[in-house]
Amino acid sequence: MKSILLTGTAGFIGSNFAPYFLEKYPEYHLINLDLLTYAGDLENLKECEGNPRYKFIKGDICNRELVEFIFSEYDIQGVIHFAAESHVDNSIKNPGVFIETNVNGTFTLLDVAQKYWMEKPFTYKSAYEGCRFHHISTDEVYGTLNETDLFTEETPYAPNSPYSASKASSDMIVRSYQETYGLNTVITNCSNNYGPKQHDEKLIPTIIRKALAGESIPIYGDGKNIRDWLYVLDHCKGIDLVYHTGKEANVYNIGGRNERTNLQIVDAICSILDEKVPAQKSYKALITFVEDRAGHDRRYAIDATKLENELGWKADENFDTGIVKTIDWYLEKYQVQ
């Protein structure tokens, strides 16, 4: 039985990943370290509770003493690092928390892993040769795009918010541990995820929640900001593939090839809700435009060719299928019949 440390899996992406990973790999013992900040919720991990191969520990990735204890107590032989402060608006209001968690926390995990697994730079201890550190990052590190290009693994970093800058910094620290110490690392940068268990304040859950409540649906600026949308379970499958078969020291971009403006997103959701939960008039009447976010990147879009060609990954959901599954999950959550 091999123990893998997962960080931050009470959040959106991690809470979809943990039950998937637990079920797929009966030879793994999963240790979940999560501070349960505003985005983390143990309700998201109900499927894992009671499984003898799953252990939840409440704690901070910046707490070196705790991280060292977990490595020695459970003999950690792999890390998949989700934990991050991730809400752009919050990073604008309170950037210090993002630097602390995303930069210092990632450093702590890397440094403890390197010292636990390795005798000296580029030399692993005999029982730990296969140990790998997988860092989950974001397409926002690349900044904003023009109307036609795509982010590739070679796109220069140009983060525009305190959140994306903190993630770019953490990516660089991962790279430094690969280059300086020979720590076996991989990084995945993903596009916007959507699906079950996402925090209520994010765009798609907000649209659904506000529509069902008959409240104004707020859309930033002119609503023409473009994002590439990736169904969360497709992202989880991509992480699994890269963790197990990705080449050491490589970056892999995971994207859904589903570019949509925010206006197209809200239009699609309202159309589906008009069918599933009809109101007196279309939910589209609730759409309102609000002042744009500071430093709001215009377009993100990922080229996932490397992941598709080298590792054989392919998204199972397109946006039309994934958004229906997502809405159905939220209707059940909000107990709408």
C-alpha atoms as a PDB file:
ATOM      1  CA  MET A   1       0.000   0.000   0.000  1.00  0.00           C
ATOM      2  CA  LYS A   2       1.500   3.324  -1.098  1.00  0.00           C
ATOM      3  CA  SER A   3       0.554   6.551   0.714  1.00  0.00           C
ATOM      4  CA  ILE A   4      -0.118   9.585  -1.469  1.00  0.00           C
ATOM      5  CA  LEU A   5      -0.512  13.062   0.054  1.00  0.00           C
ATOM      6  CA  LEU A   6      -3.312  15.097  -1.503  1.00  0.00           C
ATOM      7  CA  THR A   7      -3.584  18.743  -0.470  1.00  0.00           C
ATOM      8  CA  GLY A   8      -6.714  20.873  -0.609  1.00  0.00           C
ATOM      9  CA  THR A   9      -9.109  18.182  -1.780  1.00  0.00           C
ATOM     10  CA  ALA A  10     -12.066  19.540   0.175  1.00  0.00           C
ATOM     11  CA  GLY A  11     -12.223  22.211  -2.515  1.00  0.00           C
ATOM     12  CA  PHE A  12     -13.888  21.964  -5.916  1.00  0.00           C
ATOM     13  CA  ILE A  13     -11.408  20.119  -8.153  1.00  0.00           C
ATOM     14  CA  GLY A  14      -9.809  18.069  -5.382  1.00  0.00           C
ATOM     15  CA  SER A  15     -13.147  16.834  -4.043  1.00  0.00           C
ATOM     16  CA  ASN A  16     -13.976  15.477  -7.496  1.00  0.00           C
ATOM     17  CA  PHE A  17     -10.492  13.969  -7.799  1.00  0.00           C
ATOM     18  CA  ALA A  18     -10.233  12.220  -4.407  1.00  0.00           C
ATOM     19  CA  PRO A  19     -13.204   9.800  -4.770  1.00  0.00           C
ATOM     20  CA  TYR A  20     -12.273   9.097  -8.397  1.00  0.00           C
ATOM     21  CA  PHE A  21      -8.658   8.330  -7.431  1.00  0.00           C
ATOM     22  CA  LEU A  22      -9.614   6.320  -4.340  1.00  0.00           C
ATOM     23  CA  GLU A  23     -11.899   4.065  -6.350  1.00  0.00           C
ATOM     24  CA  LYS A  24      -9.518   3.628  -9.284  1.00  0.00           C
ATOM     25  CA  TYR A  25      -6.395   2.719  -7.278  1.00  0.00           C
ATOM     26  CA  PRO A  26      -7.073   0.198  -4.481  1.00  0.00           C
ATOM     27  CA  GLU A  27      -3.313   0.037  -3.856  1.00  0.00           C
ATOM     28  CA  TYR A  28      -3.215   3.678  -2.680  1.00  0.00           C
ATOM     29  CA  HIS A  29      -3.748   5.081   0.790  1.00  0.00           C
ATOM     30  CA  LEU A  30      -4.799   8.733   0.392  1.00  0.00           C
ATOM     31  CA  ILE A  31      -3.921  11.327   3.022  1.00  0.00           C
ATOM     32  CA  ASN A  32      -5.872  14.567   2.541  1.00  0.00           C
ATOM     33  CA  LEU A  33      -4.420  17.706   4.156  1.00  0.00           C
ATOM     34  CA  ASP A  34      -6.827  20.641   4.014  1.00  0.00           C
ATOM     35  CA  LEU A  35      -7.260  23.771   6.115  1.00  0.00           C
ATOM     36  CA  LEU A  36     -10.994  23.982   5.282  1.00  0.00           C
ATOM     37  CA  THR A  37     -10.941  27.671   4.386  1.00  0.00           C
ATOM     38  CA  TYR A  38     -14.041  29.258   2.799  1.00  0.00           C
ATOM     39  CA  ALA A  39     -13.794  27.086  -0.350  1.00  0.00           C
ATOM     40  CA  GLY A  40     -13.233  23.768   1.454  1.00  0.00           C
ATOM     41  CA  ASP A  41     -16.163  21.696   2.667  1.00  0.00           C
ATOM     42  CA  LEU A  42     -16.035  18.152   4.063  1.00  0.00           C
ATOM     43  CA  GLU A  43     -19.537  17.614   2.668  1.00  0.00           C
ATOM     44  CA  ASN A  44     -17.768  17.461  -0.702  1.00  0.00           C
ATOM     45  CA  LEU A  45     -15.918  14.327   0.424  1.00  0.00           C
ATOM     46  CA  LYS A  46     -18.782  12.255   1.818  1.00  0.00           C
ATOM     47  CA  GLU A  47     -18.006   9.446  -0.667  1.00  0.00           C
ATOM     48  CA  CYS A  48     -14.569   8.990   0.926  1.00  0.00           C
ATOM     49  CA  GLU A  49     -15.633   8.944   4.580  1.00  0.00           C
ATOM     50  CA  GLY A  50     -15.370   5.551   6.206  1.00  0.00           C
ATOM     51  CA  ASN A  51     -12.983   4.207   3.573  1.00  0.00           C
ATOM     52  CA  PRO A  52     -10.013   2.657   5.430  1.00  0.00           C
ATOM     53  CA  ARG A  53      -7.676   3.855   2.662  1.00  0.00           C
ATOM     54  CA  TYR A  54      -8.628   7.506   3.166  1.00  0.00           C
ATOM     55  CA  LYS A  55      -7.474   9.815   5.973  1.00  0.00           C
ATOM     56  CA  PHE A  56      -8.453  13.466   6.424  1.00  0.00           C
ATOM     57  CA  ILE A  57      -6.163  15.817   8.364  1.00  0.00           C
ATOM     58  CA  LYS A  58      -7.193  19.412   9.014  1.00  0.00           C
ATOM     59  CA  GLY A  59      -4.155  21.635   8.775  1.00  0.00           C
ATOM     60  CA  ASP A  60      -2.148  24.245   6.921  1.00  0.00           C
ATOM     61  CA  ILE A  61       0.353  23.394   4.166  1.00  0.00           C
ATOM     62  CA  CYS A  62       2.478  26.254   5.545  1.00  0.00           C
ATOM     63  CA  ASN A  63       2.848  24.390   8.857  1.00  0.00           C
ATOM     64  CA  ARG A  64       6.198  22.699   8.291  1.00  0.00           C
ATOM     65  CA  GLU A  65       6.105  20.706  11.508  1.00  0.00           C
ATOM     66  CA  LEU A  66       2.743  19.203  10.522  1.00  0.00           C
ATOM     67  CA  VAL A  67       3.843  18.432   6.952  1.00  0.00           C
ATOM     68  CA  GLU A  68       7.011  16.733   8.244  1.00  0.00           C
ATOM     69  CA  PHE A  69       4.920  14.696  10.686  1.00  0.00           C
ATOM     70  CA  ILE A  70       2.572  13.547   7.893  1.00  0.00           C
ATOM     71  CA  PHE A  71       5.477  12.471   5.675  1.00  0.00           C
ATOM     72  CA  SER A  72       7.096  10.398   8.429  1.00  0.00           C
ATOM     73  CA  GLU A  73       3.897   9.076  10.040  1.00  0.00           C
ATOM     74  CA  TYR A  74       2.365   7.861   6.764  1.00  0.00           C
ATOM     75  CA  ASP A  75       5.575   7.341   4.746  1.00  0.00           C
ATOM     76  CA  ILE A  76       4.358   9.600   1.934  1.00  0.00           C
ATOM     77  CA  GLN A  77       5.541   8.441  -1.506  1.00  0.00           C
ATOM     78  CA  GLY A  78       3.792  10.920  -3.783  1.00  0.00           C
ATOM     79  CA  VAL A  79       2.202  14.370  -3.615  1.00  0.00           C
ATOM     80  CA  ILE A  80      -0.624  15.792  -5.705  1.00  0.00           C
ATOM     81  CA  HIS A  81      -0.882  19.419  -4.675  1.00  0.00           C
ATOM     82  CA  PHE A  82      -4.268  21.110  -5.202  1.00  0.00           C
ATOM     83  CA  ALA A  83      -4.315  23.422  -2.182  1.00  0.00           C
ATOM     84  CA  ALA A  84      -4.479  27.083  -3.177  1.00  0.00           C
ATOM     85  CA  GLU A  85      -6.296  30.296  -2.584  1.00  0.00           C
ATOM     86  CA  SER A  86      -7.966  30.654  -5.963  1.00  0.00           C
ATOM     87  CA  HIS A  87     -10.602  33.380  -6.144  1.00  0.00           C
ATOM     88  CA  VAL A  88      -9.366  36.338  -8.189  1.00  0.00           C
ATOM     89  CA  ASP A  89     -11.695  38.894  -6.575  1.00  0.00           C
ATOM     90  CA  ASN A  90     -10.480  37.848  -3.127  1.00  0.00           C
ATOM     91  CA  SER A  91      -6.853  38.156  -4.257  1.00  0.00           C
ATOM     92  CA  ILE A  92      -7.503  41.765  -5.255  1.00  0.00           C
ATOM     93  CA  LYS A  93      -8.967  42.553  -1.815  1.00  0.00           C
ATOM     94  CA  ASN A  94      -6.465  40.549   0.258  1.00  0.00           C
ATOM     95  CA  PRO A  95      -3.364  39.524  -1.713  1.00  0.00           C
ATOM     96  CA  GLY A  96      -1.240  38.598   1.311  1.00  0.00           C
ATOM     97  CA  VAL A  97      -3.162  35.391   2.003  1.00  0.00           C
ATOM     98  CA  PHE A  98      -2.551  34.266  -1.579  1.00  0.00           C
ATOM     99  CA  ILE A  99       1.198  34.793  -1.313  1.00  0.00           C
ATOM    100  CA  GLU A 100       1.312  32.936   1.999  1.00  0.00           C
ATOM    101  CA  THR A 101      -0.663  29.864   0.900  1.00  0.00           C
ATOM    102  CA  ASN A 102       0.245  29.587  -2.768  1.00  0.00           C
ATOM    103  CA  VAL A 103       3.922  30.530  -2.572  1.00  0.00           C
ATOM    104  CA  ASN A 104       5.090  29.679   0.953  1.00  0.00           C
ATOM    105  CA  GLY A 105       2.818  26.641   1.244  1.00  0.00           C
ATOM    106  CA  THR A 106       4.063  25.161  -2.018  1.00  0.00           C
ATOM    107  CA  PHE A 107       7.656  25.796  -0.947  1.00  0.00           C
ATOM    108  CA  THR A 108       7.066  24.009   2.371  1.00  0.00           C
ATOM    109  CA  LEU A 109       5.628  20.933   0.656  1.00  0.00           C
ATOM    110  CA  LEU A 110       8.438  20.798  -1.908  1.00  0.00           C
ATOM    111  CA  ASP A 111      11.178  21.242   0.672  1.00  0.00           C
ATOM    112  CA  VAL A 112       9.812  18.575   3.005  1.00  0.00           C
ATOM    113  CA  ALA A 113       9.311  16.142   0.095  1.00  0.00           C
ATOM    114  CA  GLN A 114      12.839  16.717  -1.204  1.00  0.00           C
ATOM    115  CA  LYS A 115      14.409  16.142   2.197  1.00  0.00           C
ATOM    116  CA  TYR A 116      12.243  13.088   2.969  1.00  0.00           C
ATOM    117  CA  TRP A 117      12.727  11.353  -0.396  1.00  0.00           C
ATOM    118  CA  MET A 118      16.297  12.301  -1.329  1.00  0.00           C
ATOM    119  CA  GLU A 119      19.747  11.697   0.136  1.00  0.00           C
ATOM    120  CA  LYS A 120      21.299  14.580  -1.782  1.00  0.00           C
ATOM    121  CA  PRO A 121      20.591  16.498  -5.016  1.00  0.00           C
ATOM    122  CA  PHE A 122      19.741  14.108  -7.874  1.00  0.00           C
ATOM    123  CA  THR A 123      19.983  11.061  -5.616  1.00  0.00           C
ATOM    124  CA  TYR A 124      16.794   9.474  -4.287  1.00  0.00           C
ATOM    125  CA  LYS A 125      16.824   7.212  -1.217  1.00  0.00           C
ATOM    126  CA  SER A 126      16.606   3.549  -2.229  1.00  0.00           C
ATOM    127  CA  ALA A 127      12.915   3.049  -1.352  1.00  0.00           C
ATOM    128  CA  TYR A 128      11.770   6.338  -2.876  1.00  0.00           C
ATOM    129  CA  GLU A 129      12.986   6.369  -6.500  1.00  0.00           C
ATOM    130  CA  GLY A 130       9.470   6.534  -7.936  1.00  0.00           C
ATOM    131  CA  CYS A 131       8.228   9.403  -5.766  1.00  0.00           C
ATOM    132  CA  ARG A 132       6.781  12.349  -7.662  1.00  0.00           C
ATOM    133  CA  PHE A 133       5.479  15.832  -6.833  1.00  0.00           C
ATOM    134  CA  HIS A 134       2.549  16.904  -9.056  1.00  0.00           C
ATOM    135  CA  HIS A 135       1.684  20.591  -8.864  1.00  0.00           C
ATOM    136  CA  ILE A 136      -1.775  21.725 -10.010  1.00  0.00           C
ATOM    137  CA  SER A 137      -1.676  25.198 -11.579  1.00  0.00           C
ATOM    138  CA  THR A 138      -3.798  27.391 -13.839  1.00  0.00           C
ATOM    139  CA  ASP A 139      -3.866  28.959 -17.298  1.00  0.00           C
ATOM    140  CA  GLU A 140      -4.066  32.369 -15.626  1.00  0.00           C
ATOM    141  CA  VAL A 141      -0.268  32.365 -15.175  1.00  0.00           C
ATOM    142  CA  TYR A 142      -0.004  33.097 -18.908  1.00  0.00           C
ATOM    143  CA  GLY A 143      -1.958  36.363 -18.700  1.00  0.00           C
ATOM    144  CA  THR A 144      -4.436  37.349 -21.375  1.00  0.00           C
ATOM    145  CA  LEU A 145      -4.728  36.348 -25.044  1.00  0.00           C
ATOM    146  CA  ASN A 146      -5.542  38.024 -28.316  1.00  0.00           C
ATOM    147  CA  GLU A 147      -8.522  36.781 -30.316  1.00  0.00           C
ATOM    148  CA  THR A 148      -6.785  33.902 -32.115  1.00  0.00           C
ATOM    149  CA  ASP A 149      -3.795  32.447 -30.230  1.00  0.00           C
ATOM    150  CA  LEU A 150      -3.821  29.621 -27.683  1.00  0.00           C
ATOM    151  CA  PHE A 151      -1.771  29.094 -24.530  1.00  0.00           C
ATOM    152  CA  THR A 152       0.845  26.375 -25.018  1.00  0.00           C
ATOM    153  CA  GLU A 153       3.401  24.996 -22.584  1.00  0.00           C
ATOM    154  CA  GLU A 154       5.922  27.438 -24.125  1.00  0.00           C
ATOM    155  CA  THR A 155       3.804  30.584 -23.637  1.00  0.00           C
ATOM    156  CA  PRO A 156       5.747  33.100 -21.504  1.00  0.00           C
ATOM    157  CA  TYR A 157       4.296  33.790 -18.066  1.00  0.00           C
ATOM    158  CA  ALA A 158       2.553  37.168 -17.722  1.00  0.00           C
ATOM    159  CA  PRO A 159       0.233  37.001 -14.684  1.00  0.00           C
ATOM    160  CA  ASN A 160      -2.065  39.987 -14.184  1.00  0.00           C
ATOM    161  CA  SER A 161      -3.704  39.459 -10.771  1.00  0.00           C
ATOM    162  CA  PRO A 162      -2.252  38.745  -7.323  1.00  0.00           C
ATOM    163  CA  TYR A 163      -3.821  35.271  -7.605  1.00  0.00           C
ATOM    164  CA  SER A 164      -2.204  34.416 -10.931  1.00  0.00           C
ATOM    165  CA  ALA A 165       1.095  35.961  -9.821  1.00  0.00           C
ATOM    166  CA  SER A 166       1.106  33.762  -6.712  1.00  0.00           C
ATOM    167  CA  LYS A 167       0.428  30.661  -8.846  1.00  0.00           C
ATOM    168  CA  ALA A 168       3.150  31.656 -11.327  1.00  0.00           C
ATOM    169  CA  SER A 169       5.537  32.039  -8.384  1.00  0.00           C
ATOM    170  CA  SER A 170       4.653  28.585  -7.076  1.00  0.00           C
ATOM    171  CA  ASP A 171       5.231  27.078 -10.550  1.00  0.00           C
ATOM    172  CA  MET A 172       8.695  28.648 -10.583  1.00  0.00           C
ATOM    173  CA  ILE A 173       9.536  27.200  -7.170  1.00  0.00           C
ATOM    174  CA  VAL A 174       8.483  23.735  -8.397  1.00  0.00           C
ATOM    175  CA  ARG A 175      10.729  24.191 -11.423  1.00  0.00           C
ATOM    176  CA  SER A 176      13.633  25.252  -9.204  1.00  0.00           C
ATOM    177  CA  TYR A 177      13.373  22.075  -7.103  1.00  0.00           C
ATOM    178  CA  GLN A 178      13.432  20.026 -10.307  1.00  0.00           C
ATOM    179  CA  GLU A 179      16.441  21.851 -11.729  1.00  0.00           C
ATOM    180  CA  THR A 180      18.468  22.345  -8.514  1.00  0.00           C
ATOM    181  CA  TYR A 181      17.755  19.132  -6.606  1.00  0.00           C
ATOM    182  CA  GLY A 182      16.483  16.716  -9.261  1.00  0.00           C
ATOM    183  CA  LEU A 183      13.120  16.353  -7.506  1.00  0.00           C
ATOM    184  CA  ASN A 184      10.750  14.463  -9.823  1.00  0.00           C
ATOM    185  CA  THR A 185       8.060  17.016 -10.625  1.00  0.00           C
ATOM    186  CA  VAL A 186       5.282  17.620 -13.128  1.00  0.00           C
ATOM    187  CA  ILE A 187       3.020  20.668 -13.469  1.00  0.00           C
ATOM    188  CA  THR A 188      -0.431  20.836 -15.028  1.00  0.00           C
ATOM    189  CA  ASN A 189      -2.019  24.136 -16.017  1.00  0.00           C
ATOM    190  CA  CYS A 190      -5.761  23.925 -16.551  1.00  0.00           C
ATOM    191  CA  SER A 191      -8.448  26.128 -18.034  1.00  0.00           C
ATOM    192  CA  ASN A 192     -11.652  27.123 -16.206  1.00  0.00           C
ATOM    193  CA  ASN A 193     -13.246  24.096 -14.569  1.00  0.00           C
ATOM    194  CA  TYR A 194     -16.972  23.609 -14.083  1.00  0.00           C
ATOM    195  CA  GLY A 195     -19.113  20.806 -12.707  1.00  0.00           C
ATOM    196  CA  PRO A 196     -20.427  19.443  -9.391  1.00  0.00           C
ATOM    197  CA  LYS A 197     -19.203  20.769  -6.034  1.00  0.00           C
ATOM    198  CA  GLN A 198     -17.970  24.152  -7.242  1.00  0.00           C
ATOM    199  CA  HIS A 199     -18.146  26.960  -4.686  1.00  0.00           C
ATOM    200  CA  ASP A 200     -21.380  28.952  -4.888  1.00  0.00           C
ATOM    201  CA  GLU A 201     -19.614  32.255  -5.606  1.00  0.00           C
ATOM    202  CA  LYS A 202     -18.065  31.112  -8.914  1.00  0.00           C
ATOM    203  CA  LEU A 203     -19.634  32.127 -12.218  1.00  0.00           C
ATOM    204  CA  ILE A 204     -21.675  29.064 -13.200  1.00  0.00           C
ATOM    205  CA  PRO A 205     -23.062  28.247  -9.710  1.00  0.00           C
ATOM    206  CA  THR A 206     -23.849  31.957  -9.261  1.00  0.00           C
ATOM    207  CA  ILE A 207     -25.844  32.066 -12.495  1.00  0.00           C
ATOM    208  CA  ILE A 208     -27.834  28.958 -11.500  1.00  0.00           C
ATOM    209  CA  ARG A 209     -28.400  30.074  -7.906  1.00  0.00           C
ATOM    210  CA  LYS A 210     -29.437  33.643  -8.774  1.00  0.00           C
ATOM    211  CA  ALA A 211     -31.733  32.482 -11.580  1.00  0.00           C
ATOM    212  CA  LEU A 212     -33.554  29.994  -9.357  1.00  0.00           C
ATOM    213  CA  ALA A 213     -33.960  32.671  -6.660  1.00  0.00           C
ATOM    214  CA  GLY A 214     -35.362  35.153  -9.196  1.00  0.00           C
ATOM    215  CA  GLU A 215     -32.507  37.555  -8.433  1.00  0.00           C
ATOM    216  CA  SER A 216     -30.434  39.642 -10.837  1.00  0.00           C
ATOM    217  CA  ILE A 217     -27.694  37.610 -12.523  1.00  0.00           C
ATOM    218  CA  PRO A 218     -24.547  39.796 -12.425  1.00  0.00           C
ATOM    219  CA  ILE A 219     -22.213  39.723 -15.447  1.00  0.00           C
ATOM    220  CA  TYR A 220     -18.950  41.704 -15.402  1.00  0.00           C
ATOM    221  CA  GLY A 221     -18.392  44.454 -17.978  1.00  0.00           C
ATOM    222  CA  ASP A 222     -19.807  43.701 -21.421  1.00  0.00           C
ATOM    223  CA  GLY A 223     -19.932  39.937 -20.823  1.00  0.00           C
ATOM    224  CA  LYS A 224     -17.572  39.258 -23.713  1.00  0.00           C
ATOM    225  CA  ASN A 225     -14.642  37.915 -21.697  1.00  0.00           C
ATOM    226  CA  ILE A 226     -13.793  34.489 -23.107  1.00  0.00           C
ATOM    227  CA  ARG A 227     -12.797  31.378 -21.154  1.00  0.00           C
ATOM    228  CA  ASP A 228     -12.039  27.810 -22.199  1.00  0.00           C
ATOM    229  CA  TRP A 229     -14.300  25.555 -20.097  1.00  0.00           C
ATOM    230  CA  LEU A 230     -13.183  22.118 -18.883  1.00  0.00           C
ATOM    231  CA  TYR A 231     -15.518  19.636 -17.186  1.00  0.00           C
ATOM    232  CA  VAL A 232     -14.003  18.841 -13.797  1.00  0.00           C
ATOM    233  CA  LEU A 233     -13.970  15.040 -14.169  1.00  0.00           C
ATOM    234  CA  ASP A 234     -12.095  15.384 -17.477  1.00  0.00           C
ATOM    235  CA  HIS A 235      -9.537  17.476 -15.600  1.00  0.00           C
ATOM    236  CA  CYS A 236      -9.259  14.781 -12.897  1.00  0.00           C
ATOM    237  CA  LYS A 237      -8.578  12.128 -15.549  1.00  0.00           C
ATOM    238  CA  GLY A 238      -5.899  14.361 -17.038  1.00  0.00           C
ATOM    239  CA  ILE A 239      -4.210  14.806 -13.645  1.00  0.00           C
ATOM    240  CA  ASP A 240      -4.284  11.031 -13.100  1.00  0.00           C
ATOM    241  CA  LEU A 241      -2.660  10.469 -16.505  1.00  0.00           C
ATOM    242  CA  VAL A 242       0.079  13.064 -16.004  1.00  0.00           C
ATOM    243  CA  TYR A 243       0.855  11.916 -12.456  1.00  0.00           C
ATOM    244  CA  HIS A 244       1.337   8.331 -13.604  1.00  0.00           C
ATOM    245  CA  THR A 245       2.720   8.668 -17.136  1.00  0.00           C
ATOM    246  CA  GLY A 246       3.816  12.279 -17.711  1.00  0.00           C
ATOM    247  CA  LYS A 247       7.498  12.906 -18.376  1.00  0.00           C
ATOM    248  CA  GLU A 248       9.494  14.222 -15.436  1.00  0.00           C
ATOM    249  CA  ALA A 249      10.194  17.984 -15.465  1.00  0.00           C
ATOM    250  CA  ASN A 250       7.373  18.559 -17.968  1.00  0.00           C
ATOM    251  CA  VAL A 251       4.415  20.918 -17.999  1.00  0.00           C
ATOM    252  CA  TYR A 252       1.097  19.754 -19.475  1.00  0.00           C
ATOM    253  CA  ASN A 253      -1.778  22.080 -20.314  1.00  0.00           C
ATOM    254  CA  ILE A 254      -5.274  20.653 -19.797  1.00  0.00           C
ATOM    255  CA  GLY A 255      -8.079  22.435 -21.636  1.00  0.00           C
ATOM    256  CA  GLY A 256     -11.561  21.599 -22.820  1.00  0.00           C
ATOM    257  CA  ARG A 257     -11.493  23.231 -26.285  1.00  0.00           C
ATOM    258  CA  ASN A 258     -14.780  24.861 -25.251  1.00  0.00           C
ATOM    259  CA  GLU A 259     -14.351  28.610 -25.611  1.00  0.00           C
ATOM    260  CA  ARG A 260     -17.360  30.628 -24.540  1.00  0.00           C
ATOM    261  CA  THR A 261     -17.990  34.262 -23.639  1.00  0.00           C
ATOM    262  CA  ASN A 262     -19.611  34.870 -20.277  1.00  0.00           C
ATOM    263  CA  LEU A 263     -22.707  35.978 -22.184  1.00  0.00           C
ATOM    264  CA  GLN A 264     -22.842  32.653 -24.032  1.00  0.00           C
ATOM    265  CA  ILE A 265     -22.498  30.823 -20.703  1.00  0.00           C
ATOM    266  CA  VAL A 266     -25.354  32.683 -19.039  1.00  0.00           C
ATOM    267  CA  ASP A 267     -27.506  32.351 -22.162  1.00  0.00           C
ATOM    268  CA  ALA A 268     -26.972  28.579 -22.316  1.00  0.00           C
ATOM    269  CA  ILE A 269     -27.718  28.080 -18.611  1.00  0.00           C
ATOM    270  CA  CYS A 270     -30.862  30.220 -18.738  1.00  0.00           C
ATOM    271  CA  SER A 271     -32.109  28.337 -21.806  1.00  0.00           C
ATOM    272  CA  ILE A 272     -31.672  24.982 -20.045  1.00  0.00           C
ATOM    273  CA  LEU A 273     -33.336  26.287 -16.859  1.00  0.00           C
ATOM    274  CA  ASP A 274     -36.219  27.663 -18.950  1.00  0.00           C
ATOM    275  CA  GLU A 275     -36.859  24.076 -20.036  1.00  0.00           C
ATOM    276  CA  LYS A 276     -36.171  22.276 -16.761  1.00  0.00           C
ATOM    277  CA  VAL A 277     -37.657  24.762 -14.258  1.00  0.00           C
ATOM    278  CA  PRO A 278     -39.901  27.131 -16.241  1.00  0.00           C
ATOM    279  CA  ALA A 279     -40.756  30.454 -14.611  1.00  0.00           C
ATOM    280  CA  GLN A 280     -43.296  33.096 -15.639  1.00  0.00           C
ATOM    281  CA  LYS A 281     -40.742  34.614 -18.001  1.00  0.00           C
ATOM    282  CA  SER A 282     -37.313  33.585 -19.265  1.00  0.00           C
ATOM    283  CA  TYR A 283     -34.472  33.642 -16.764  1.00  0.00           C
ATOM    284  CA  LYS A 284     -32.583  35.713 -19.354  1.00  0.00           C
ATOM    285  CA  ALA A 285     -34.598  38.733 -18.186  1.00  0.00           C
ATOM    286  CA  LEU A 286     -32.577  38.603 -14.938  1.00  0.00           C
ATOM    287  CA  ILE A 287     -29.216  39.237 -16.627  1.00  0.00           C
ATOM    288  CA  THR A 288     -27.651  42.516 -15.469  1.00  0.00           C
ATOM    289  CA  PHE A 289     -24.265  44.024 -16.258  1.00  0.00           C
ATOM    290  CA  VAL A 290     -22.076  45.197 -13.379  1.00  0.00           C
ATOM    291  CA  GLU A 291     -18.813  47.143 -13.166  1.00  0.00           C
ATOM    292  CA  ASP A 292     -15.943  45.122 -14.565  1.00  0.00           C
ATOM    293  CA  ARG A 293     -13.396  43.447 -12.300  1.00  0.00           C
ATOM    294  CA  ALA A 294     -10.029  45.220 -11.946  1.00  0.00           C
ATOM    295  CA  GLY A 295      -7.416  43.688 -14.259  1.00  0.00           C
ATOM    296  CA  HIS A 296      -9.990  41.387 -15.857  1.00  0.00           C
ATOM    297  CA  ASP A 297      -8.187  39.278 -18.497  1.00  0.00           C
ATOM    298  CA  ARG A 298     -10.071  39.288 -21.801  1.00  0.00           C
ATOM    299  CA  ARG A 299      -9.480  35.772 -23.068  1.00  0.00           C
ATOM    300  CA  TYR A 300      -7.949  32.475 -21.965  1.00  0.00           C
ATOM    301  CA  ALA A 301      -7.741  29.405 -24.188  1.00  0.00           C
ATOM    302  CA  ILE A 302      -5.551  26.341 -23.850  1.00  0.00           C
ATOM    303  CA  ASP A 303      -3.931  24.196 -26.514  1.00  0.00           C
ATOM    304  CA  ALA A 304      -4.029  20.679 -25.036  1.00  0.00           C
ATOM    305  CA  THR A 305      -2.257  19.093 -28.044  1.00  0.00           C
ATOM    306  CA  LYS A 306       0.773  17.942 -26.027  1.00  0.00           C
ATOM    307  CA  LEU A 307      -1.373  16.074 -23.495  1.00  0.00           C
ATOM    308  CA  GLU A 308      -3.549  14.602 -26.248  1.00  0.00           C
ATOM    309  CA  ASN A 309      -0.686  13.491 -28.500  1.00  0.00           C
ATOM    310  CA  GLU A 310       1.905  12.373 -25.950  1.00  0.00           C
ATOM    311  CA  LEU A 311      -0.322  10.816 -23.270  1.00  0.00           C
ATOM    312  CA  GLY A 312      -3.536  10.056 -25.203  1.00  0.00           C
ATOM    313  CA  TRP A 313      -5.841  12.244 -23.096  1.00  0.00           C
ATOM    314  CA  LYS A 314      -9.160  13.327 -24.539  1.00  0.00           C
ATOM    315  CA  ALA A 315     -12.035  15.184 -22.869  1.00  0.00           C
ATOM    316  CA  ASP A 316     -15.142  13.016 -22.575  1.00  0.00           C
ATOM    317  CA  GLU A 317     -17.506  15.978 -22.198  1.00  0.00           C
ATOM    318  CA  ASN A 318     -18.074  18.931 -24.464  1.00  0.00           C
ATOM    319  CA  PHE A 319     -19.695  22.023 -22.992  1.00  0.00           C
ATOM    320  CA  ASP A 320     -23.197  21.095 -24.163  1.00  0.00           C
ATOM    321  CA  THR A 321     -23.127  17.732 -22.350  1.00  0.00           C
ATOM    322  CA  GLY A 322     -21.152  18.903 -19.319  1.00  0.00           C
ATOM    323  CA  ILE A 323     -23.332  21.910 -18.554  1.00  0.00           C
ATOM    324  CA  VAL A 324     -26.490  19.762 -18.444  1.00  0.00           C
ATOM    325  CA  LYS A 325     -24.838  17.392 -15.937  1.00  0.00           C
ATOM    326  CA  THR A 326     -23.705  20.399 -13.924  1.00  0.00           C
ATOM    327  CA  ILE A 327     -27.130  22.037 -13.827  1.00  0.00           C
ATOM    328  CA  ASP A 328     -28.774  18.732 -12.846  1.00  0.00           C
ATOM    329  CA  TRP A 329     -26.343  18.417  -9.920  1.00  0.00           C
ATOM    330  CA  TYR A 330     -27.130  21.943  -8.690  1.00  0.00           C
ATOM    331  CA  LEU A 331     -30.860  21.454  -9.076  1.00  0.00           C
ATOM    332  CA  GLU A 332     -30.547  18.456  -6.788  1.00  0.00           C
ATOM    333  CA  LYS A 333     -28.338  20.415  -4.378  1.00  0.00           C
ATOM    334  CA  TYR A 334     -30.869  23.257  -4.206  1.00  0.00           C
ATOM    335  CA  GLN A 335     -33.661  20.637  -4.033  1.00  0.00           C
ATOM    336  CA  VAL A 336     -35.482  21.930  -7.086  1.00  0.00           C
ATOM    337  CA  GLN A 337     -37.888  19.340  -8.452  1.00  0.00           C
END
